[in-house]
PDB file of all heavy atoms in Angstrom:
ATOM      1  N   TYR A   1      17.993  -5.732  -3.832  1.00  0.00           N
ATOM      2  CA  TYR A   1      16.812  -4.870  -3.928  1.00  0.00           C
ATOM      3  C   TYR A   1      15.586  -5.497  -3.263  1.00  0.00           C
ATOM      4  O   TYR A   1      14.851  -4.824  -2.535  1.00  0.00           O
ATOM      5  CB  TYR A   1      16.500  -4.556  -5.399  1.00  0.00           C
ATOM      6  CG  TYR A   1      15.349  -3.596  -5.580  1.00  0.00           C
ATOM      7  CD1 TYR A   1      15.514  -2.232  -5.339  1.00  0.00           C
ATOM      8  CD2 TYR A   1      14.094  -4.057  -5.968  1.00  0.00           C
ATOM      9  CE1 TYR A   1      14.459  -1.346  -5.493  1.00  0.00           C
ATOM     10  CE2 TYR A   1      13.025  -3.174  -6.121  1.00  0.00           C
ATOM     11  CZ  TYR A   1      13.222  -1.830  -5.890  1.00  0.00           C
ATOM     12  OH  TYR A   1      12.176  -0.948  -6.040  1.00  0.00           O
ATOM     13  N   GLU A   2      15.355  -6.769  -3.488  1.00  0.00           N
ATOM     14  CA  GLU A   2      14.171  -7.429  -2.931  1.00  0.00           C
ATOM     15  C   GLU A   2      14.233  -7.534  -1.410  1.00  0.00           C
ATOM     16  O   GLU A   2      13.203  -7.677  -0.750  1.00  0.00           O
ATOM     17  CB  GLU A   2      13.998  -8.824  -3.548  1.00  0.00           C
ATOM     18  CG  GLU A   2      13.665  -8.812  -5.030  1.00  0.00           C
ATOM     19  CD  GLU A   2      12.392  -8.043  -5.327  1.00  0.00           C
ATOM     20  OE1 GLU A   2      11.439  -8.145  -4.513  1.00  0.00           O
ATOM     21  OE2 GLU A   2      12.346  -7.333  -6.350  1.00  0.00           O
ATOM     22  N   GLU A   3      15.438  -7.485  -0.853  1.00  0.00           N
ATOM     23  CA  GLU A   3      15.607  -7.573   0.603  1.00  0.00           C
ATOM     24  C   GLU A   3      15.843  -6.202   1.231  1.00  0.00           C
ATOM     25  O   GLU A   3      16.010  -6.104   2.448  1.00  0.00           O
ATOM     26  CB  GLU A   3      16.798  -8.474   0.938  1.00  0.00           C
ATOM     27  CG  GLU A   3      16.763  -9.849   0.281  1.00  0.00           C
ATOM     28  CD  GLU A   3      18.137 -10.501   0.293  1.00  0.00           C
ATOM     29  OE1 GLU A   3      18.643 -10.781   1.396  1.00  0.00           O
ATOM     30  OE2 GLU A   3      18.706 -10.710  -0.800  1.00  0.00           O
ATOM     31  N   CYS A   4      15.876  -5.149   0.430  1.00  0.00           N
ATOM     32  CA  CYS A   4      16.271  -3.807   0.891  1.00  0.00           C
ATOM     33  C   CYS A   4      15.352  -3.290   1.994  1.00  0.00           C
ATOM     34  O   CYS A   4      14.125  -3.260   1.846  1.00  0.00           O
ATOM     35  CB  CYS A   4      16.263  -2.838  -0.285  1.00  0.00           C
ATOM     36  SG  CYS A   4      16.689  -1.143   0.186  1.00  0.00           S
ATOM     37  N   HIS A   5      15.954  -2.857   3.098  1.00  0.00           N
ATOM     38  CA  HIS A   5      15.181  -2.353   4.228  1.00  0.00           C
ATOM     39  C   HIS A   5      14.532  -1.012   3.912  1.00  0.00           C
ATOM     40  O   HIS A   5      13.424  -0.733   4.384  1.00  0.00           O
ATOM     41  CB  HIS A   5      16.077  -2.238   5.463  1.00  0.00           C
ATOM     42  CG  HIS A   5      16.610  -3.554   5.940  1.00  0.00           C
ATOM     43  ND1 HIS A   5      15.797  -4.594   6.319  1.00  0.00           N
ATOM     44  CD2 HIS A   5      17.896  -4.005   6.087  1.00  0.00           C
ATOM     45  CE1 HIS A   5      16.533  -5.633   6.693  1.00  0.00           C
ATOM     46  NE2 HIS A   5      17.809  -5.296   6.558  1.00  0.00           N
ATOM     47  N   VAL A   6      15.203  -0.158   3.151  1.00  0.00           N
ATOM     48  CA  VAL A   6      14.620   1.137   2.783  1.00  0.00           C
ATOM     49  C   VAL A   6      13.405   0.926   1.887  1.00  0.00           C
ATOM     50  O   VAL A   6      12.352   1.542   2.082  1.00  0.00           O
ATOM     51  CB  VAL A   6      15.663   2.032   2.073  1.00  0.00           C
ATOM     52  CG1 VAL A   6      15.015   3.302   1.538  1.00  0.00           C
ATOM     53  CG2 VAL A   6      16.795   2.388   3.029  1.00  0.00           C
ATOM     54  N   VAL A   7      13.544   0.048   0.902  1.00  0.00           N
ATOM     55  CA  VAL A   7      12.419  -0.252   0.005  1.00  0.00           C
ATOM     56  C   VAL A   7      11.242  -0.803   0.806  1.00  0.00           C
ATOM     57  O   VAL A   7      10.080  -0.407   0.599  1.00  0.00           O
ATOM     58  CB  VAL A   7      12.847  -1.256  -1.089  1.00  0.00           C
ATOM     59  CG1 VAL A   7      11.633  -1.741  -1.880  1.00  0.00           C
ATOM     60  CG2 VAL A   7      13.861  -0.615  -2.017  1.00  0.00           C
ATOM     61  N   ALA A   8      11.525  -1.712   1.736  1.00  0.00           N
ATOM     62  CA  ALA A   8      10.459  -2.311   2.550  1.00  0.00           C
ATOM     63  C   ALA A   8       9.763  -1.256   3.407  1.00  0.00           C
ATOM     64  O   ALA A   8       8.523  -1.238   3.509  1.00  0.00           O
ATOM     65  CB  ALA A   8      11.037  -3.414   3.434  1.00  0.00           C
ATOM     66  N   ALA A   9      10.555  -0.366   4.026  1.00  0.00           N
ATOM     67  CA  ALA A   9       9.978   0.678   4.880  1.00  0.00           C
ATOM     68  C   ALA A   9       9.092   1.616   4.071  1.00  0.00           C
ATOM     69  O   ALA A   9       8.004   2.009   4.506  1.00  0.00           O
ATOM     70  CB  ALA A   9      11.089   1.461   5.571  1.00  0.00           C
ATOM     71  N   ARG A  10       9.534   1.941   2.875  1.00  0.00           N
ATOM     72  CA  ARG A  10       8.761   2.879   2.056  1.00  0.00           C
ATOM     73  C   ARG A  10       7.548   2.210   1.420  1.00  0.00           C
ATOM     74  O   ARG A  10       6.515   2.844   1.226  1.00  0.00           O
ATOM     75  CB  ARG A  10       9.684   3.510   1.021  1.00  0.00           C
ATOM     76  CG  ARG A  10      10.695   4.402   1.735  1.00  0.00           C
ATOM     77  CD  ARG A  10      11.635   5.128   0.842  1.00  0.00           C
ATOM     78  NE  ARG A  10      12.409   6.064   1.665  1.00  0.00           N
ATOM     79  CZ  ARG A  10      13.351   6.847   1.209  1.00  0.00           C
ATOM     80  NH1 ARG A  10      13.672   6.825  -0.070  1.00  0.00           N
ATOM     81  NH2 ARG A  10      13.992   7.672   2.009  1.00  0.00           N
ATOM     82  N   ARG A  11       7.670   0.920   1.162  1.00  0.00           N
ATOM     83  CA  ARG A  11       6.512   0.186   0.651  1.00  0.00           C
ATOM     84  C   ARG A  11       5.424   0.136   1.736  1.00  0.00           C
ATOM     85  O   ARG A  11       4.243   0.346   1.461  1.00  0.00           O
ATOM     86  CB  ARG A  11       6.929  -1.225   0.240  1.00  0.00           C
ATOM     87  CG  ARG A  11       5.834  -2.009  -0.477  1.00  0.00           C
ATOM     88  CD  ARG A  11       6.341  -3.386  -0.864  1.00  0.00           C
ATOM     89  NE  ARG A  11       7.404  -3.301  -1.870  1.00  0.00           N
ATOM     90  CZ  ARG A  11       8.565  -3.924  -1.798  1.00  0.00           C
ATOM     91  NH1 ARG A  11       8.848  -4.648  -0.722  1.00  0.00           N
ATOM     92  NH2 ARG A  11       9.452  -3.815  -2.769  1.00  0.00           N
ATOM     93  N   THR A  12       5.843  -0.113   2.968  1.00  0.00           N
ATOM     94  CA  THR A  12       4.897  -0.128   4.087  1.00  0.00           C
ATOM     95  C   THR A  12       4.238   1.241   4.252  1.00  0.00           C
ATOM     96  O   THR A  12       3.032   1.347   4.484  1.00  0.00           O
ATOM     97  CB  THR A  12       5.610  -0.518   5.397  1.00  0.00           C
ATOM     98  OG1 THR A  12       6.183  -1.816   5.251  1.00  0.00           O
ATOM     99  CG2 THR A  12       4.652  -0.509   6.576  1.00  0.00           C
ATOM    100  N   ALA A  13       5.048   2.299   4.111  1.00  0.00           N
ATOM    101  CA  ALA A  13       4.522   3.658   4.247  1.00  0.00           C
ATOM    102  C   ALA A  13       3.513   3.979   3.151  1.00  0.00           C
ATOM    103  O   ALA A  13       2.498   4.637   3.387  1.00  0.00           O
ATOM    104  CB  ALA A  13       5.668   4.660   4.228  1.00  0.00           C
ATOM    105  N   GLN A  14       3.783   3.495   1.947  1.00  0.00           N
ATOM    106  CA  GLN A  14       2.874   3.762   0.826  1.00  0.00           C
ATOM    107  C   GLN A  14       1.530   3.078   1.009  1.00  0.00           C
ATOM    108  O   GLN A  14       0.512   3.540   0.488  1.00  0.00           O
ATOM    109  CB  GLN A  14       3.526   3.319  -0.482  1.00  0.00           C
ATOM    110  CG  GLN A  14       4.648   4.239  -0.938  1.00  0.00           C
ATOM    111  CD  GLN A  14       5.484   3.643  -2.055  1.00  0.00           C
ATOM    112  OE1 GLN A  14       5.256   2.505  -2.460  1.00  0.00           O
ATOM    113  NE2 GLN A  14       6.442   4.403  -2.547  1.00  0.00           N
ATOM    114  N   GLU A  15       1.525   1.998   1.760  1.00  0.00           N
ATOM    115  CA  GLU A  15       0.286   1.255   1.974  1.00  0.00           C
ATOM    116  C   GLU A  15      -0.446   1.710   3.236  1.00  0.00           C
ATOM    117  O   GLU A  15      -1.565   1.259   3.502  1.00  0.00           O
ATOM    118  CB  GLU A  15       0.598  -0.242   2.082  1.00  0.00           C
ATOM    119  CG  GLU A  15       1.154  -0.838   0.796  1.00  0.00           C
ATOM    120  CD  GLU A  15       1.664  -2.260   0.984  1.00  0.00           C
ATOM    121  OE1 GLU A  15       1.680  -2.713   2.153  1.00  0.00           O
ATOM    122  OE2 GLU A  15       2.033  -2.899  -0.012  1.00  0.00           O
ATOM    123  N   ALA A  16       0.173   2.627   4.006  1.00  0.00           N
ATOM    124  CA  ALA A  16      -0.408   3.052   5.280  1.00  0.00           C
ATOM    125  C   ALA A  16      -1.382   4.212   5.101  1.00  0.00           C
ATOM    126  O   ALA A  16      -1.324   4.963   4.127  1.00  0.00           O
ATOM    127  CB  ALA A  16       0.700   3.448   6.245  1.00  0.00           C
ATOM    128  N   ASP A  17      -2.282   4.343   6.072  1.00  0.00           N
ATOM    129  CA  ASP A  17      -3.215   5.472   6.099  1.00  0.00           C
ATOM    130  C   ASP A  17      -2.591   6.667   6.808  1.00  0.00           C
ATOM    131  O   ASP A  17      -2.916   7.818   6.505  1.00  0.00           O
ATOM    132  CB  ASP A  17      -4.498   5.075   6.843  1.00  0.00           C
ATOM    133  CG  ASP A  17      -5.171   3.866   6.222  1.00  0.00           C
ATOM    134  OD1 ASP A  17      -5.586   3.962   5.063  1.00  0.00           O
ATOM    135  OD2 ASP A  17      -5.259   2.827   6.912  1.00  0.00           O
ATOM    136  N   VAL A  18      -1.727   6.385   7.776  1.00  0.00           N
ATOM    137  CA  VAL A  18      -1.072   7.438   8.560  1.00  0.00           C
ATOM    138  C   VAL A  18       0.427   7.158   8.576  1.00  0.00           C
ATOM    139  O   VAL A  18       0.853   6.083   8.997  1.00  0.00           O
ATOM    140  CB  VAL A  18      -1.599   7.484  10.013  1.00  0.00           C
ATOM    141  CG1 VAL A  18      -0.964   8.643  10.772  1.00  0.00           C
ATOM    142  CG2 VAL A  18      -3.123   7.598  10.034  1.00  0.00           C
ATOM    143  N   VAL A  19       1.216   8.127   8.120  1.00  0.00           N
ATOM    144  CA  VAL A  19       2.672   7.975   8.082  1.00  0.00           C
ATOM    145  C   VAL A  19       3.293   9.054   8.957  1.00  0.00           C
ATOM    146  O   VAL A  19       2.967  10.241   8.828  1.00  0.00           O
ATOM    147  CB  VAL A  19       3.213   8.104   6.646  1.00  0.00           C
ATOM    148  CG1 VAL A  19       4.724   7.873   6.630  1.00  0.00           C
ATOM    149  CG2 VAL A  19       2.520   7.115   5.719  1.00  0.00           C
ATOM    150  N   VAL A  20       4.182   8.644   9.855  1.00  0.00           N
ATOM    151  CA  VAL A  20       4.880   9.584  10.739  1.00  0.00           C
ATOM    152  C   VAL A  20       6.322   9.713  10.279  1.00  0.00           C
ATOM    153  O   VAL A  20       7.041   8.716  10.162  1.00  0.00           O
ATOM    154  CB  VAL A  20       4.831   9.099  12.208  1.00  0.00           C
ATOM    155  CG1 VAL A  20       5.552  10.093  13.112  1.00  0.00           C
ATOM    156  CG2 VAL A  20       3.381   8.933  12.663  1.00  0.00           C
ATOM    157  N   VAL A  21       6.737  10.935   9.998  1.00  0.00           N
ATOM    158  CA  VAL A  21       8.102  11.217   9.564  1.00  0.00           C
ATOM    159  C   VAL A  21       8.649  12.349  10.438  1.00  0.00           C
ATOM    160  O   VAL A  21       7.972  12.831  11.342  1.00  0.00           O
ATOM    161  CB  VAL A  21       8.150  11.631   8.067  1.00  0.00           C
ATOM    162  CG1 VAL A  21       7.624  10.520   7.182  1.00  0.00           C
ATOM    163  CG2 VAL A  21       7.362  12.923   7.823  1.00  0.00           C
ATOM    164  N   ASN A  22       9.887  12.793  10.164  1.00  0.00           N
ATOM    165  CA  ASN A  22      10.383  14.005  10.803  1.00  0.00           C
ATOM    166  C   ASN A  22      10.679  15.036   9.722  1.00  0.00           C
ATOM    167  O   ASN A  22      10.730  14.735   8.535  1.00  0.00           O
ATOM    168  CB  ASN A  22      11.610  13.727  11.689  1.00  0.00           C
ATOM    169  CG  ASN A  22      12.798  13.192  10.915  1.00  0.00           C
ATOM    170  OD1 ASN A  22      13.302  13.835  10.006  1.00  0.00           O
ATOM    171  ND2 ASN A  22      13.247  11.992  11.268  1.00  0.00           N
ATOM    172  N   HIS A  23      10.866  16.286  10.146  1.00  0.00           N
ATOM    173  CA  HIS A  23      10.979  17.386   9.189  1.00  0.00           C
ATOM    174  C   HIS A  23      12.129  17.197   8.197  1.00  0.00           C
ATOM    175  O   HIS A  23      12.018  17.572   7.028  1.00  0.00           O
ATOM    176  CB  HIS A  23      11.174  18.715   9.920  1.00  0.00           C
ATOM    177  CG  HIS A  23       9.989  19.141  10.728  1.00  0.00           C
ATOM    178  ND1 HIS A  23       8.713  18.692  10.464  1.00  0.00           N
ATOM    179  CD2 HIS A  23       9.878  19.997  11.789  1.00  0.00           C
ATOM    180  CE1 HIS A  23       7.874  19.245  11.335  1.00  0.00           C
ATOM    181  NE2 HIS A  23       8.554  20.025  12.147  1.00  0.00           N
ATOM    182  N   HIS A  24      13.238  16.634   8.660  1.00  0.00           N
ATOM    183  CA  HIS A  24      14.381  16.479   7.762  1.00  0.00           C
ATOM    184  C   HIS A  24      14.052  15.524   6.618  1.00  0.00           C
ATOM    185  O   HIS A  24      14.406  15.781   5.462  1.00  0.00           O
ATOM    186  CB  HIS A  24      15.608  15.997   8.545  1.00  0.00           C
ATOM    187  CG  HIS A  24      16.248  17.077   9.362  1.00  0.00           C
ATOM    188  ND1 HIS A  24      15.807  17.384  10.626  1.00  0.00           N
ATOM    189  CD2 HIS A  24      17.267  17.938   9.091  1.00  0.00           C
ATOM    190  CE1 HIS A  24      16.544  18.391  11.102  1.00  0.00           C
ATOM    191  NE2 HIS A  24      17.421  18.736  10.195  1.00  0.00           N
ATOM    192  N   LEU A  25      13.364  14.439   6.932  1.00  0.00           N
ATOM    193  CA  LEU A  25      12.963  13.514   5.876  1.00  0.00           C
ATOM    194  C   LEU A  25      11.911  14.148   4.972  1.00  0.00           C
ATOM    195  O   LEU A  25      11.959  14.014   3.746  1.00  0.00           O
ATOM    196  CB  LEU A  25      12.418  12.225   6.504  1.00  0.00           C
ATOM    197  CG  LEU A  25      11.866  11.177   5.533  1.00  0.00           C
ATOM    198  CD1 LEU A  25      12.927  10.772   4.517  1.00  0.00           C
ATOM    199  CD2 LEU A  25      11.371   9.959   6.296  1.00  0.00           C
ATOM    200  N   PHE A  26      10.984  14.859   5.578  1.00  0.00           N
ATOM    201  CA  PHE A  26       9.918  15.509   4.813  1.00  0.00           C
ATOM    202  C   PHE A  26      10.503  16.480   3.790  1.00  0.00           C
ATOM    203  O   PHE A  26      10.138  16.464   2.609  1.00  0.00           O
ATOM    204  CB  PHE A  26       8.991  16.243   5.782  1.00  0.00           C
ATOM    205  CG  PHE A  26       7.787  16.864   5.124  1.00  0.00           C
ATOM    206  CD1 PHE A  26       6.664  16.103   4.856  1.00  0.00           C
ATOM    207  CD2 PHE A  26       7.771  18.205   4.782  1.00  0.00           C
ATOM    208  CE1 PHE A  26       5.548  16.667   4.252  1.00  0.00           C
ATOM    209  CE2 PHE A  26       6.667  18.772   4.177  1.00  0.00           C
ATOM    210  CZ  PHE A  26       5.545  18.003   3.913  1.00  0.00           C
ATOM    211  N   PHE A  27      11.441  17.307   4.227  1.00  0.00           N
ATOM    212  CA  PHE A  27      12.002  18.299   3.314  1.00  0.00           C
ATOM    213  C   PHE A  27      13.033  17.716   2.364  1.00  0.00           C
ATOM    214  O   PHE A  27      13.270  18.264   1.291  1.00  0.00           O
ATOM    215  CB  PHE A  27      12.592  19.475   4.104  1.00  0.00           C
ATOM    216  CG  PHE A  27      11.544  20.447   4.550  1.00  0.00           C
ATOM    217  CD1 PHE A  27      11.126  20.488   5.861  1.00  0.00           C
ATOM    218  CD2 PHE A  27      10.945  21.298   3.641  1.00  0.00           C
ATOM    219  CE1 PHE A  27      10.135  21.360   6.271  1.00  0.00           C
ATOM    220  CE2 PHE A  27       9.951  22.174   4.033  1.00  0.00           C
ATOM    221  CZ  PHE A  27       9.551  22.212   5.351  1.00  0.00           C
ATOM    222  N   ALA A  28      13.639  16.597   2.746  1.00  0.00           N
ATOM    223  CA  ALA A  28      14.528  15.922   1.799  1.00  0.00           C
ATOM    224  C   ALA A  28      13.736  15.521   0.565  1.00  0.00           C
ATOM    225  O   ALA A  28      14.218  15.609  -0.569  1.00  0.00           O
ATOM    226  CB  ALA A  28      15.163  14.696   2.443  1.00  0.00           C
ATOM    227  N   ASP A  29      12.499  15.113   0.780  1.00  0.00           N
ATOM    228  CA  ASP A  29      11.644  14.755  -0.352  1.00  0.00           C
ATOM    229  C   ASP A  29      11.214  15.995  -1.128  1.00  0.00           C
ATOM    230  O   ASP A  29      11.268  16.037  -2.353  1.00  0.00           O
ATOM    231  CB  ASP A  29      10.413  14.009   0.143  1.00  0.00           C
ATOM    232  CG  ASP A  29       9.449  13.706  -0.995  1.00  0.00           C
ATOM    233  OD1 ASP A  29       9.824  12.890  -1.855  1.00  0.00           O
ATOM    234  OD2 ASP A  29       8.373  14.310  -1.039  1.00  0.00           O
ATOM    235  N   LEU A  30      10.791  17.028  -0.418  1.00  0.00           N
ATOM    236  CA  LEU A  30      10.336  18.246  -1.092  1.00  0.00           C
ATOM    237  C   LEU A  30      11.433  18.858  -1.948  1.00  0.00           C
ATOM    238  O   LEU A  30      11.181  19.413  -3.025  1.00  0.00           O
ATOM    239  CB  LEU A  30       9.871  19.276  -0.061  1.00  0.00           C
ATOM    240  CG  LEU A  30       8.591  18.965   0.712  1.00  0.00           C
ATOM    241  CD1 LEU A  30       8.161  20.179   1.507  1.00  0.00           C
ATOM    242  CD2 LEU A  30       7.471  18.540  -0.213  1.00  0.00           C
ATOM    243  N   ALA A  31      12.662  18.771  -1.470  1.00  0.00           N
ATOM    244  CA  ALA A  31      13.780  19.358  -2.205  1.00  0.00           C
ATOM    245  C   ALA A  31      14.300  18.423  -3.292  1.00  0.00           C
ATOM    246  O   ALA A  31      15.315  18.703  -3.925  1.00  0.00           O
ATOM    247  CB  ALA A  31      14.918  19.699  -1.239  1.00  0.00           C
ATOM    248  N   LEU A  32      13.599  17.289  -3.462  1.00  0.00           N
ATOM    249  CA  LEU A  32      13.966  16.319  -4.503  1.00  0.00           C
ATOM    250  C   LEU A  32      15.378  15.787  -4.313  1.00  0.00           C
ATOM    251  O   LEU A  32      16.094  15.522  -5.274  1.00  0.00           O
ATOM    252  CB  LEU A  32      13.827  16.952  -5.900  1.00  0.00           C
ATOM    253  CG  LEU A  32      12.429  17.481  -6.234  1.00  0.00           C
ATOM    254  CD1 LEU A  32      12.441  18.102  -7.622  1.00  0.00           C
ATOM    255  CD2 LEU A  32      11.388  16.383  -6.163  1.00  0.00           C
ATOM    256  N   LYS A  33      15.776  15.648  -3.033  1.00  0.00           N
ATOM    257  CA  LYS A  33      17.118  15.134  -2.773  1.00  0.00           C
ATOM    258  C   LYS A  33      17.083  13.652  -2.432  1.00  0.00           C
ATOM    259  O   LYS A  33      18.064  13.069  -2.057  1.00  0.00           O
ATOM    260  CB  LYS A  33      17.758  15.911  -1.619  1.00  0.00           C
ATOM    261  CG  LYS A  33      18.151  17.315  -2.034  1.00  0.00           C
ATOM    262  CD  LYS A  33      19.050  17.952  -1.010  1.00  0.00           C
ATOM    263  CE  LYS A  33      19.548  19.296  -1.492  1.00  0.00           C
ATOM    264  NZ  LYS A  33      20.385  19.961  -0.498  1.00  0.00           N
TER     265      LYS A  33
END
């Protein structure tokens, strides 16, 4: 968990002012998947 690349990427995104995603990722979150 402490070395997880997904966790690291999302931690960086949470600390950012501007986050760039694509629609599939955006809607994966909206659909709670």
